[in-house]
Amino acid sequence: MLTQEQINQYHEQGYVIPDFQLPMDIVAEMRRELELLIAANPDKTADAMFVPHAPQGNHQGLKSPRADKWLNFACNKDIVAMVGQLIGENIALWGSTVFGKPAGNGKATPWHQDGQYWPIRPLASCTAWIAMDEVGVENGCMRVIPGSHKNKDVYSHHTNKADDLTLNQELDADQFNEDKAVDLILKPGQMSFHDIYMVHGSRHNRSTQRRAGYVLRFMPTASHFDRKLGLQLEKNGNAVNFSNRPLFLVSGIDQSGRNDFEIGHAVN
C-alpha cells in the first residue's frame, strides 16, 4: 500500500512510484503473454497495442486470444487497492495498452496530456504504468513534468503525424518547461501512477534493450465514460474510437449511475 507521504506526492506532483513491486513470476508471465500477443499480430506495431484485456472493444483490430490473462493482470488486487488510495474506492477499469517499444527503433511519445483524448467527464483518471523490463533513460522511459496537473487544465495541443510517434497529438512547446522533466526509472515489476492532467512523454528507444510496459487506465465512477463524446472527439481528429469500449467495475459501485458496463463485452 501507499504511504501517506506517497499519496501526498501524487496529489502535489501528479505522479508517484510506490514501494510495491509485482513478483517476478508474474512479470515473467506478462513477458510470455507479450510474446504471444506480438506473434498473434504480425501486422501491428509492438510500440502500442491497445486494450489487450478486451479486444472486442478495440479500435485497432488487435487479436488478443488470451485477453483473460491481461484482464487478470489489470485486476491485481494490490494495484486496485493503491489506485483506490489515490482516486477513491469506486473504480472502473476502462482501458489498457501494451507499449512494447522495441530496441533500436522504438517510437517516441510526444509531450501530451491524456485528458486531450479521453471521453470522461468530469475528467478524472489514474494511470498505472507497469514495467516488464528494465526501464531507463537509454531505452526511453516515461518523463513527467511535476506539478503540471495542478491547474486541472488541458493545454493546447497540435497534430503531429510523424510516423515515429505513438500519438498524433502533441502539446504546444510554449505550454510547459521541458527543463523540469523527471525521468521515471523502473525495475521489472515496479510501476508508476500518474494523473490525467499530467504532462508526460518519452524519447525514442535507440538502445539495444526493449522497453515494455503494461499500462492500465482507471477512473473514479463518480465520472461518466461518455461514448457519445468519444465519437465527437474522433470526428475532431482523435485516432481512437471509444464507442464499443467496455468498462469493468473493479471496486465499489457505479457512483454516477451513468456508466454502461454492458457495451463492448463479449457475448458468451
C-alpha atoms as a PDB file:
ATOM      1  CA  MET A   1       0.000   0.000   0.000  1.00  0.00           C
ATOM      2  CA  LEU A   2       0.994   3.619  -0.430  1.00  0.00           C
ATOM      3  CA  THR A   3       2.245   5.660   2.493  1.00  0.00           C
ATOM      4  CA  GLN A   4       0.620   8.985   3.311  1.00  0.00           C
ATOM      5  CA  GLU A   5       3.757  10.699   2.023  1.00  0.00           C
ATOM      6  CA  GLN A   6       3.386   8.914  -1.318  1.00  0.00           C
ATOM      7  CA  ILE A   7      -0.300   9.797  -1.540  1.00  0.00           C
ATOM      8  CA  ASN A   8       0.612  13.425  -0.871  1.00  0.00           C
ATOM      9  CA  GLN A   9       3.278  13.289  -3.584  1.00  0.00           C
ATOM     10  CA  TYR A  10       0.738  12.029  -6.117  1.00  0.00           C
ATOM     11  CA  HIS A  11      -1.618  14.897  -5.394  1.00  0.00           C
ATOM     12  CA  GLU A  12       1.135  17.535  -5.247  1.00  0.00           C
ATOM     13  CA  GLN A  13       3.410  16.343  -8.058  1.00  0.00           C
ATOM     14  CA  GLY A  14       0.943  14.370 -10.188  1.00  0.00           C
ATOM     15  CA  TYR A  15       2.836  11.079 -10.049  1.00  0.00           C
ATOM     16  CA  VAL A  16       4.327   8.568  -7.640  1.00  0.00           C
ATOM     17  CA  ILE A  17       6.413   5.390  -7.756  1.00  0.00           C
ATOM     18  CA  PRO A  18       5.267   3.102  -4.918  1.00  0.00           C
ATOM     19  CA  ASP A  19       7.475   0.730  -2.949  1.00  0.00           C
ATOM     20  CA  PHE A  20       5.302  -2.153  -4.159  1.00  0.00           C
ATOM     21  CA  GLN A  21       6.722  -4.413  -6.868  1.00  0.00           C
ATOM     22  CA  LEU A  22       4.995  -7.280  -8.675  1.00  0.00           C
ATOM     23  CA  PRO A  23       6.576 -10.695  -8.010  1.00  0.00           C
ATOM     24  CA  MET A  24       8.967 -11.832 -10.723  1.00  0.00           C
ATOM     25  CA  ASP A  25       6.832 -14.863 -11.572  1.00  0.00           C
ATOM     26  CA  ILE A  26       4.009 -12.511 -12.583  1.00  0.00           C
ATOM     27  CA  VAL A  27       6.457 -10.354 -14.553  1.00  0.00           C
ATOM     28  CA  ALA A  28       7.714 -13.473 -16.341  1.00  0.00           C
ATOM     29  CA  GLU A  29       4.121 -14.426 -17.157  1.00  0.00           C
ATOM     30  CA  MET A  30       3.456 -10.950 -18.538  1.00  0.00           C
ATOM     31  CA  ARG A  31       6.528 -11.222 -20.741  1.00  0.00           C
ATOM     32  CA  ARG A  32       5.351 -14.577 -22.089  1.00  0.00           C
ATOM     33  CA  GLU A  33       1.921 -13.136 -22.817  1.00  0.00           C
ATOM     34  CA  LEU A  34       3.551 -10.195 -24.590  1.00  0.00           C
ATOM     35  CA  GLU A  35       5.443 -12.532 -26.915  1.00  0.00           C
ATOM     36  CA  LEU A  36       2.204 -14.388 -27.695  1.00  0.00           C
ATOM     37  CA  LEU A  37       0.401 -11.095 -28.321  1.00  0.00           C
ATOM     38  CA  ILE A  38       3.103  -9.912 -30.716  1.00  0.00           C
ATOM     39  CA  ALA A  39       3.067 -13.259 -32.535  1.00  0.00           C
ATOM     40  CA  ALA A  40      -0.722 -13.076 -32.928  1.00  0.00           C
ATOM     41  CA  ASN A  41      -0.465  -9.619 -34.512  1.00  0.00           C
ATOM     42  CA  PRO A  42       2.338  -9.654 -37.098  1.00  0.00           C
ATOM     43  CA  ASP A  43       0.689  -6.729 -38.909  1.00  0.00           C
ATOM     44  CA  LYS A  44       0.647  -4.490 -35.803  1.00  0.00           C
ATOM     45  CA  THR A  45       3.434  -2.393 -34.370  1.00  0.00           C
ATOM     46  CA  ALA A  46       4.647  -3.597 -30.986  1.00  0.00           C
ATOM     47  CA  ASP A  47       5.115   0.030 -29.947  1.00  0.00           C
ATOM     48  CA  ALA A  48       1.489   0.380 -28.852  1.00  0.00           C
ATOM     49  CA  MET A  49      -1.091  -2.411 -28.679  1.00  0.00           C
ATOM     50  CA  PHE A  50      -4.397  -1.191 -27.323  1.00  0.00           C
ATOM     51  CA  VAL A  51      -6.884  -2.867 -24.981  1.00  0.00           C
ATOM     52  CA  PRO A  52      -5.426  -6.397 -24.949  1.00  0.00           C
ATOM     53  CA  HIS A  53      -7.665  -7.184 -21.958  1.00  0.00           C
ATOM     54  CA  ALA A  54     -10.847  -6.638 -24.030  1.00  0.00           C
ATOM     55  CA  PRO A  55     -10.145  -6.923 -27.765  1.00  0.00           C
ATOM     56  CA  GLN A  56     -13.835  -6.848 -28.683  1.00  0.00           C
ATOM     57  CA  GLY A  57     -13.767  -3.161 -27.685  1.00  0.00           C
ATOM     58  CA  ASN A  58     -10.556  -2.425 -29.547  1.00  0.00           C
ATOM     59  CA  HIS A  59     -10.357   0.150 -32.344  1.00  0.00           C
ATOM     60  CA  GLN A  60      -7.034  -1.240 -33.597  1.00  0.00           C
ATOM     61  CA  GLY A  61      -8.228  -4.665 -34.727  1.00  0.00           C
ATOM     62  CA  LEU A  62      -5.859  -6.267 -32.237  1.00  0.00           C
ATOM     63  CA  LYS A  63      -6.098 -10.039 -31.836  1.00  0.00           C
ATOM     64  CA  SER A  64      -5.794 -10.988 -28.168  1.00  0.00           C
ATOM     65  CA  PRO A  65      -6.647 -14.688 -27.848  1.00  0.00           C
ATOM     66  CA  ARG A  66      -5.608 -14.675 -24.176  1.00  0.00           C
ATOM     67  CA  ALA A  67      -7.404 -11.494 -23.148  1.00  0.00           C
ATOM     68  CA  ASP A  68      -8.376 -13.077 -19.831  1.00  0.00           C
ATOM     69  CA  LYS A  69      -4.705 -13.102 -18.830  1.00  0.00           C
ATOM     70  CA  TRP A  70      -4.347  -9.365 -19.480  1.00  0.00           C
ATOM     71  CA  LEU A  71      -7.584  -8.697 -17.597  1.00  0.00           C
ATOM     72  CA  ASN A  72      -6.298 -10.694 -14.621  1.00  0.00           C
ATOM     73  CA  PHE A  73      -3.090  -8.645 -14.595  1.00  0.00           C
ATOM     74  CA  ALA A  74      -5.157  -5.447 -14.714  1.00  0.00           C
ATOM     75  CA  CYS A  75      -7.372  -6.509 -11.801  1.00  0.00           C
ATOM     76  CA  ASN A  76      -4.467  -7.259  -9.465  1.00  0.00           C
ATOM     77  CA  LYS A  77      -5.867  -6.581  -6.008  1.00  0.00           C
ATOM     78  CA  ASP A  78      -2.785  -4.722  -4.773  1.00  0.00           C
ATOM     79  CA  ILE A  79      -2.778  -2.385  -7.768  1.00  0.00           C
ATOM     80  CA  VAL A  80      -6.512  -1.717  -7.454  1.00  0.00           C
ATOM     81  CA  ALA A  81      -6.088  -1.041  -3.724  1.00  0.00           C
ATOM     82  CA  MET A  82      -3.366   1.545  -4.373  1.00  0.00           C
ATOM     83  CA  VAL A  83      -5.462   3.211  -7.065  1.00  0.00           C
ATOM     84  CA  GLY A  84      -8.262   3.369  -4.507  1.00  0.00           C
ATOM     85  CA  GLN A  85      -5.988   5.297  -2.165  1.00  0.00           C
ATOM     86  CA  LEU A  86      -5.491   7.880  -4.919  1.00  0.00           C
ATOM     87  CA  ILE A  87      -8.938   8.291  -6.524  1.00  0.00           C
ATOM     88  CA  GLY A  88     -11.373   6.636  -4.113  1.00  0.00           C
ATOM     89  CA  GLU A  89     -12.776   3.136  -3.740  1.00  0.00           C
ATOM     90  CA  ASN A  90     -15.336   3.276  -6.597  1.00  0.00           C
ATOM     91  CA  ILE A  91     -13.220   2.372  -9.616  1.00  0.00           C
ATOM     92  CA  ALA A  92     -13.725   1.297 -13.227  1.00  0.00           C
ATOM     93  CA  LEU A  93     -11.032  -0.142 -15.468  1.00  0.00           C
ATOM     94  CA  TRP A  94     -11.721   1.453 -18.840  1.00  0.00           C
ATOM     95  CA  GLY A  95      -8.556   0.869 -20.863  1.00  0.00           C
ATOM     96  CA  SER A  96      -5.125  -0.670 -21.157  1.00  0.00           C
ATOM     97  CA  THR A  97      -2.177  -0.507 -23.534  1.00  0.00           C
ATOM     98  CA  VAL A  98       0.925  -2.602 -24.014  1.00  0.00           C
ATOM     99  CA  PHE A  99       3.839  -0.400 -25.012  1.00  0.00           C
ATOM    100  CA  GLY A 100       6.382  -2.820 -26.489  1.00  0.00           C
ATOM    101  CA  LYS A 101       8.898  -0.114 -27.521  1.00  0.00           C
ATOM    102  CA  PRO A 102      11.359  -2.352 -29.401  1.00  0.00           C
ATOM    103  CA  ALA A 103      15.117  -1.955 -29.131  1.00  0.00           C
ATOM    104  CA  GLY A 104      16.767   0.149 -31.803  1.00  0.00           C
ATOM    105  CA  ASN A 105      13.698   1.762 -33.340  1.00  0.00           C
ATOM    106  CA  GLY A 106      11.116   2.165 -30.580  1.00  0.00           C
ATOM    107  CA  LYS A 107       8.827   5.119 -31.193  1.00  0.00           C
ATOM    108  CA  ALA A 108       8.768   8.255 -29.068  1.00  0.00           C
ATOM    109  CA  THR A 109       5.642   9.517 -27.342  1.00  0.00           C
ATOM    110  CA  PRO A 110       5.291  13.288 -27.761  1.00  0.00           C
ATOM    111  CA  TRP A 111       4.677  15.538 -24.788  1.00  0.00           C
ATOM    112  CA  HIS A 112       0.949  15.446 -24.125  1.00  0.00           C
ATOM    113  CA  GLN A 113      -1.835  15.232 -21.555  1.00  0.00           C
ATOM    114  CA  ASP A 114      -4.108  12.209 -21.504  1.00  0.00           C
ATOM    115  CA  GLY A 115      -7.165  14.391 -20.947  1.00  0.00           C
ATOM    116  CA  GLN A 116      -6.800  15.656 -24.511  1.00  0.00           C
ATOM    117  CA  TYR A 117      -8.049  12.292 -25.811  1.00  0.00           C
ATOM    118  CA  TRP A 118     -10.426  10.747 -23.310  1.00  0.00           C
ATOM    119  CA  PRO A 119     -14.266  10.948 -23.124  1.00  0.00           C
ATOM    120  CA  ILE A 120     -14.501  11.093 -19.343  1.00  0.00           C
ATOM    121  CA  ARG A 121     -16.491  13.855 -17.651  1.00  0.00           C
ATOM    122  CA  PRO A 122     -15.594  15.274 -15.288  1.00  0.00           C
ATOM    123  CA  LEU A 123     -12.040  14.490 -16.372  1.00  0.00           C
ATOM    124  CA  ALA A 124     -10.561  12.131 -13.802  1.00  0.00           C
ATOM    125  CA  SER A 125      -8.358   9.092 -14.252  1.00  0.00           C
ATOM    126  CA  CYS A 126      -5.316   7.411 -12.779  1.00  0.00           C
ATOM    127  CA  THR A 127      -2.839   5.552 -14.978  1.00  0.00           C
ATOM    128  CA  ALA A 128      -0.718   2.674 -13.672  1.00  0.00           C
ATOM    129  CA  TRP A 129       2.421   2.131 -15.793  1.00  0.00           C
ATOM    130  CA  ILE A 130       3.865  -1.342 -15.044  1.00  0.00           C
ATOM    131  CA  ALA A 131       7.398  -2.160 -16.178  1.00  0.00           C
ATOM    132  CA  MET A 132       8.001  -5.567 -17.755  1.00  0.00           C
ATOM    133  CA  ASP A 133      11.654  -4.731 -18.493  1.00  0.00           C
ATOM    134  CA  GLU A 134      14.361  -2.552 -17.023  1.00  0.00           C
ATOM    135  CA  VAL A 135      13.155   0.954 -17.867  1.00  0.00           C
ATOM    136  CA  GLY A 136      15.685   3.769 -18.005  1.00  0.00           C
ATOM    137  CA  VAL A 137      16.800   6.867 -19.860  1.00  0.00           C
ATOM    138  CA  GLU A 138      18.620   4.899 -22.561  1.00  0.00           C
ATOM    139  CA  ASN A 139      15.599   2.875 -23.685  1.00  0.00           C
ATOM    140  CA  GLY A 140      13.062   5.681 -23.480  1.00  0.00           C
ATOM    141  CA  CYS A 141      11.467   5.780 -20.038  1.00  0.00           C
ATOM    142  CA  MET A 142       8.442   7.942 -19.393  1.00  0.00           C
ATOM    143  CA  ARG A 143       9.206  11.553 -18.477  1.00  0.00           C
ATOM    144  CA  VAL A 144       6.889  13.809 -16.499  1.00  0.00           C
ATOM    145  CA  ILE A 145       6.640  17.499 -15.644  1.00  0.00           C
ATOM    146  CA  PRO A 146       5.985  17.521 -11.879  1.00  0.00           C
ATOM    147  CA  GLY A 147       3.067  19.672 -10.806  1.00  0.00           C
ATOM    148  CA  SER A 148       1.791  20.195 -14.351  1.00  0.00           C
ATOM    149  CA  HIS A 149      -1.556  18.679 -13.335  1.00  0.00           C
ATOM    150  CA  LYS A 150      -2.290  21.176 -10.572  1.00  0.00           C
ATOM    151  CA  ASN A 151      -4.382  23.656 -12.588  1.00  0.00           C
ATOM    152  CA  LYS A 152      -6.593  20.849 -13.938  1.00  0.00           C
ATOM    153  CA  ASP A 153      -6.383  22.414 -17.388  1.00  0.00           C
ATOM    154  CA  VAL A 154      -5.982  20.706 -20.748  1.00  0.00           C
ATOM    155  CA  TYR A 155      -3.415  22.851 -22.540  1.00  0.00           C
ATOM    156  CA  SER A 156      -3.286  23.470 -26.279  1.00  0.00           C
ATOM    157  CA  HIS A 157      -2.074  20.637 -28.495  1.00  0.00           C
ATOM    158  CA  HIS A 158      -1.395  20.365 -32.221  1.00  0.00           C
ATOM    159  CA  THR A 159      -1.464  17.462 -34.663  1.00  0.00           C
ATOM    160  CA  ASN A 160       1.852  15.769 -35.423  1.00  0.00           C
ATOM    161  CA  LYS A 161       1.520  12.892 -37.880  1.00  0.00           C
ATOM    162  CA  ALA A 162       5.172  11.826 -37.827  1.00  0.00           C
ATOM    163  CA  ASP A 163       5.360   8.051 -38.211  1.00  0.00           C
ATOM    164  CA  ASP A 164       7.931   7.647 -35.426  1.00  0.00           C
ATOM    165  CA  LEU A 165       5.457   8.748 -32.733  1.00  0.00           C
ATOM    166  CA  THR A 166       2.906   6.670 -30.822  1.00  0.00           C
ATOM    167  CA  LEU A 167       0.389   9.570 -30.736  1.00  0.00           C
ATOM    168  CA  ASN A 168      -0.673  12.203 -33.258  1.00  0.00           C
ATOM    169  CA  GLN A 169      -1.434  14.949 -30.724  1.00  0.00           C
ATOM    170  CA  GLU A 170       1.470  16.917 -29.238  1.00  0.00           C
ATOM    171  CA  LEU A 171       1.472  19.602 -26.569  1.00  0.00           C
ATOM    172  CA  ASP A 172       2.457  23.047 -27.843  1.00  0.00           C
ATOM    173  CA  ALA A 173       6.033  23.815 -26.808  1.00  0.00           C
ATOM    174  CA  ASP A 174       5.117  27.087 -25.094  1.00  0.00           C
ATOM    175  CA  GLN A 175       2.735  25.306 -22.705  1.00  0.00           C
ATOM    176  CA  PHE A 176       5.382  23.709 -20.467  1.00  0.00           C
ATOM    177  CA  ASN A 177       9.051  23.816 -19.470  1.00  0.00           C
ATOM    178  CA  GLU A 178      10.889  20.669 -20.576  1.00  0.00           C
ATOM    179  CA  ASP A 179      13.839  21.594 -18.349  1.00  0.00           C
ATOM    180  CA  LYS A 180      11.716  20.494 -15.377  1.00  0.00           C
ATOM    181  CA  ALA A 181      11.229  16.954 -16.719  1.00  0.00           C
ATOM    182  CA  VAL A 182      11.813  13.977 -14.405  1.00  0.00           C
ATOM    183  CA  ASP A 183      12.724  10.530 -15.777  1.00  0.00           C
ATOM    184  CA  LEU A 184      10.716   7.653 -14.263  1.00  0.00           C
ATOM    185  CA  ILE A 185      13.234   4.822 -13.961  1.00  0.00           C
ATOM    186  CA  LEU A 186      11.702   1.456 -13.077  1.00  0.00           C
ATOM    187  CA  LYS A 187      12.808  -2.103 -12.443  1.00  0.00           C
ATOM    188  CA  PRO A 188      10.753  -5.017 -13.799  1.00  0.00           C
ATOM    189  CA  GLY A 189       7.579  -5.291 -11.734  1.00  0.00           C
ATOM    190  CA  GLN A 190       7.774  -1.716 -10.497  1.00  0.00           C
ATOM    191  CA  MET A 191       5.160   0.803 -11.544  1.00  0.00           C
ATOM    192  CA  SER A 192       4.303   4.457 -11.527  1.00  0.00           C
ATOM    193  CA  PHE A 193       0.930   6.150 -11.144  1.00  0.00           C
ATOM    194  CA  HIS A 194       0.074   9.458 -12.797  1.00  0.00           C
ATOM    195  CA  ASP A 195      -2.846  11.874 -13.003  1.00  0.00           C
ATOM    196  CA  ILE A 196      -4.921  12.522 -16.135  1.00  0.00           C
ATOM    197  CA  TYR A 197      -3.704  16.141 -16.356  1.00  0.00           C
ATOM    198  CA  MET A 198      -0.013  15.263 -16.011  1.00  0.00           C
ATOM    199  CA  VAL A 199       2.218  16.470 -18.875  1.00  0.00           C
ATOM    200  CA  HIS A 200       4.324  13.493 -19.943  1.00  0.00           C
ATOM    201  CA  GLY A 201       6.056  11.811 -22.875  1.00  0.00           C
ATOM    202  CA  SER A 202       9.049   9.647 -23.743  1.00  0.00           C
ATOM    203  CA  ARG A 203      12.022   9.593 -26.083  1.00  0.00           C
ATOM    204  CA  HIS A 204      12.761   7.075 -28.831  1.00  0.00           C
ATOM    205  CA  ASN A 205      14.398   3.796 -27.904  1.00  0.00           C
ATOM    206  CA  ARG A 206      17.732   3.739 -29.739  1.00  0.00           C
ATOM    207  CA  SER A 207      19.269   1.294 -27.272  1.00  0.00           C
ATOM    208  CA  THR A 208      19.804  -2.450 -27.586  1.00  0.00           C
ATOM    209  CA  GLN A 209      17.227  -3.166 -24.848  1.00  0.00           C
ATOM    210  CA  ARG A 210      13.444  -3.355 -25.275  1.00  0.00           C
ATOM    211  CA  ARG A 211      11.304  -1.170 -23.009  1.00  0.00           C
ATOM    212  CA  ALA A 212       7.997  -2.962 -22.490  1.00  0.00           C
ATOM    213  CA  GLY A 213       5.264  -1.826 -20.138  1.00  0.00           C
ATOM    214  CA  TYR A 214       1.629  -2.655 -19.441  1.00  0.00           C
ATOM    215  CA  VAL A 215      -0.417   0.473 -18.827  1.00  0.00           C
ATOM    216  CA  LEU A 216      -3.778   0.448 -17.040  1.00  0.00           C
ATOM    217  CA  ARG A 217      -6.422   3.175 -17.104  1.00  0.00           C
ATOM    218  CA  PHE A 218      -8.669   3.552 -14.071  1.00  0.00           C
ATOM    219  CA  MET A 219     -11.381   6.144 -13.470  1.00  0.00           C
ATOM    220  CA  PRO A 220     -13.473   7.017 -10.416  1.00  0.00           C
ATOM    221  CA  THR A 221     -17.054   6.019 -11.150  1.00  0.00           C
ATOM    222  CA  ALA A 222     -18.238   9.433  -9.969  1.00  0.00           C
ATOM    223  CA  SER A 223     -17.206  10.382 -13.521  1.00  0.00           C
ATOM    224  CA  HIS A 224     -19.032   9.316 -16.675  1.00  0.00           C
ATOM    225  CA  PHE A 225     -17.378   7.440 -19.547  1.00  0.00           C
ATOM    226  CA  ASP A 226     -19.280   9.225 -22.324  1.00  0.00           C
ATOM    227  CA  ARG A 227     -19.120   7.221 -25.550  1.00  0.00           C
ATOM    228  CA  LYS A 228     -21.077   9.884 -27.469  1.00  0.00           C
ATOM    229  CA  LEU A 229     -18.409  12.402 -26.523  1.00  0.00           C
ATOM    230  CA  GLY A 230     -15.851   9.852 -27.698  1.00  0.00           C
ATOM    231  CA  LEU A 231     -17.422   9.892 -31.159  1.00  0.00           C
ATOM    232  CA  GLN A 232     -17.203  13.691 -31.210  1.00  0.00           C
ATOM    233  CA  LEU A 233     -13.541  13.573 -30.199  1.00  0.00           C
ATOM    234  CA  GLU A 234     -12.939  11.112 -33.021  1.00  0.00           C
ATOM    235  CA  LYS A 235     -14.565  13.486 -35.530  1.00  0.00           C
ATOM    236  CA  ASN A 236     -12.255  16.221 -34.244  1.00  0.00           C
ATOM    237  CA  GLY A 237      -9.147  14.174 -35.017  1.00  0.00           C
ATOM    238  CA  ASN A 238      -8.734  11.717 -32.153  1.00  0.00           C
ATOM    239  CA  ALA A 239      -7.384   8.442 -33.547  1.00  0.00           C
ATOM    240  CA  VAL A 240      -9.324   6.269 -31.073  1.00  0.00           C
ATOM    241  CA  ASN A 241     -12.912   5.049 -31.404  1.00  0.00           C
ATOM    242  CA  PHE A 242     -14.339   4.575 -27.904  1.00  0.00           C
ATOM    243  CA  SER A 243     -17.871   3.607 -28.996  1.00  0.00           C
ATOM    244  CA  ASN A 244     -17.507  -0.088 -28.133  1.00  0.00           C
ATOM    245  CA  ARG A 245     -15.028   0.225 -25.262  1.00  0.00           C
ATOM    246  CA  PRO A 246     -16.065  -1.999 -22.326  1.00  0.00           C
ATOM    247  CA  LEU A 247     -15.886  -0.871 -18.716  1.00  0.00           C
ATOM    248  CA  PHE A 248     -15.078  -3.196 -15.818  1.00  0.00           C
ATOM    249  CA  LEU A 249     -16.143  -2.322 -12.286  1.00  0.00           C
ATOM    250  CA  VAL A 250     -13.098  -3.406 -10.275  1.00  0.00           C
ATOM    251  CA  SER A 251     -14.021  -1.847  -6.926  1.00  0.00           C
ATOM    252  CA  GLY A 252     -17.105  -0.404  -5.252  1.00  0.00           C
ATOM    253  CA  ILE A 253     -20.169   0.846  -7.132  1.00  0.00           C
ATOM    254  CA  ASP A 254     -21.038   2.998 -10.144  1.00  0.00           C
ATOM    255  CA  GLN A 255     -21.273   6.210  -8.171  1.00  0.00           C
ATOM    256  CA  SER A 256     -22.510   8.341 -11.095  1.00  0.00           C
ATOM    257  CA  GLY A 257     -25.199   5.849 -12.107  1.00  0.00           C
ATOM    258  CA  ARG A 258     -24.467   6.759 -15.736  1.00  0.00           C
ATOM    259  CA  ASN A 259     -21.749   4.313 -16.722  1.00  0.00           C
ATOM    260  CA  ASP A 260     -22.701   1.427 -19.013  1.00  0.00           C
ATOM    261  CA  PHE A 261     -20.979  -1.820 -18.038  1.00  0.00           C
ATOM    262  CA  GLU A 262     -22.592  -3.905 -20.799  1.00  0.00           C
ATOM    263  CA  ILE A 263     -21.414  -2.220 -24.016  1.00  0.00           C
ATOM    264  CA  GLY A 264     -18.409  -3.901 -25.584  1.00  0.00           C
ATOM    265  CA  HIS A 265     -18.394  -7.058 -23.510  1.00  0.00           C
ATOM    266  CA  ALA A 266     -18.105 -10.392 -25.265  1.00  0.00           C
ATOM    267  CA  VAL A 267     -21.330 -12.373 -25.560  1.00  0.00           C
ATOM    268  CA  ASN A 268     -20.882 -15.946 -24.320  1.00  0.00           C
END
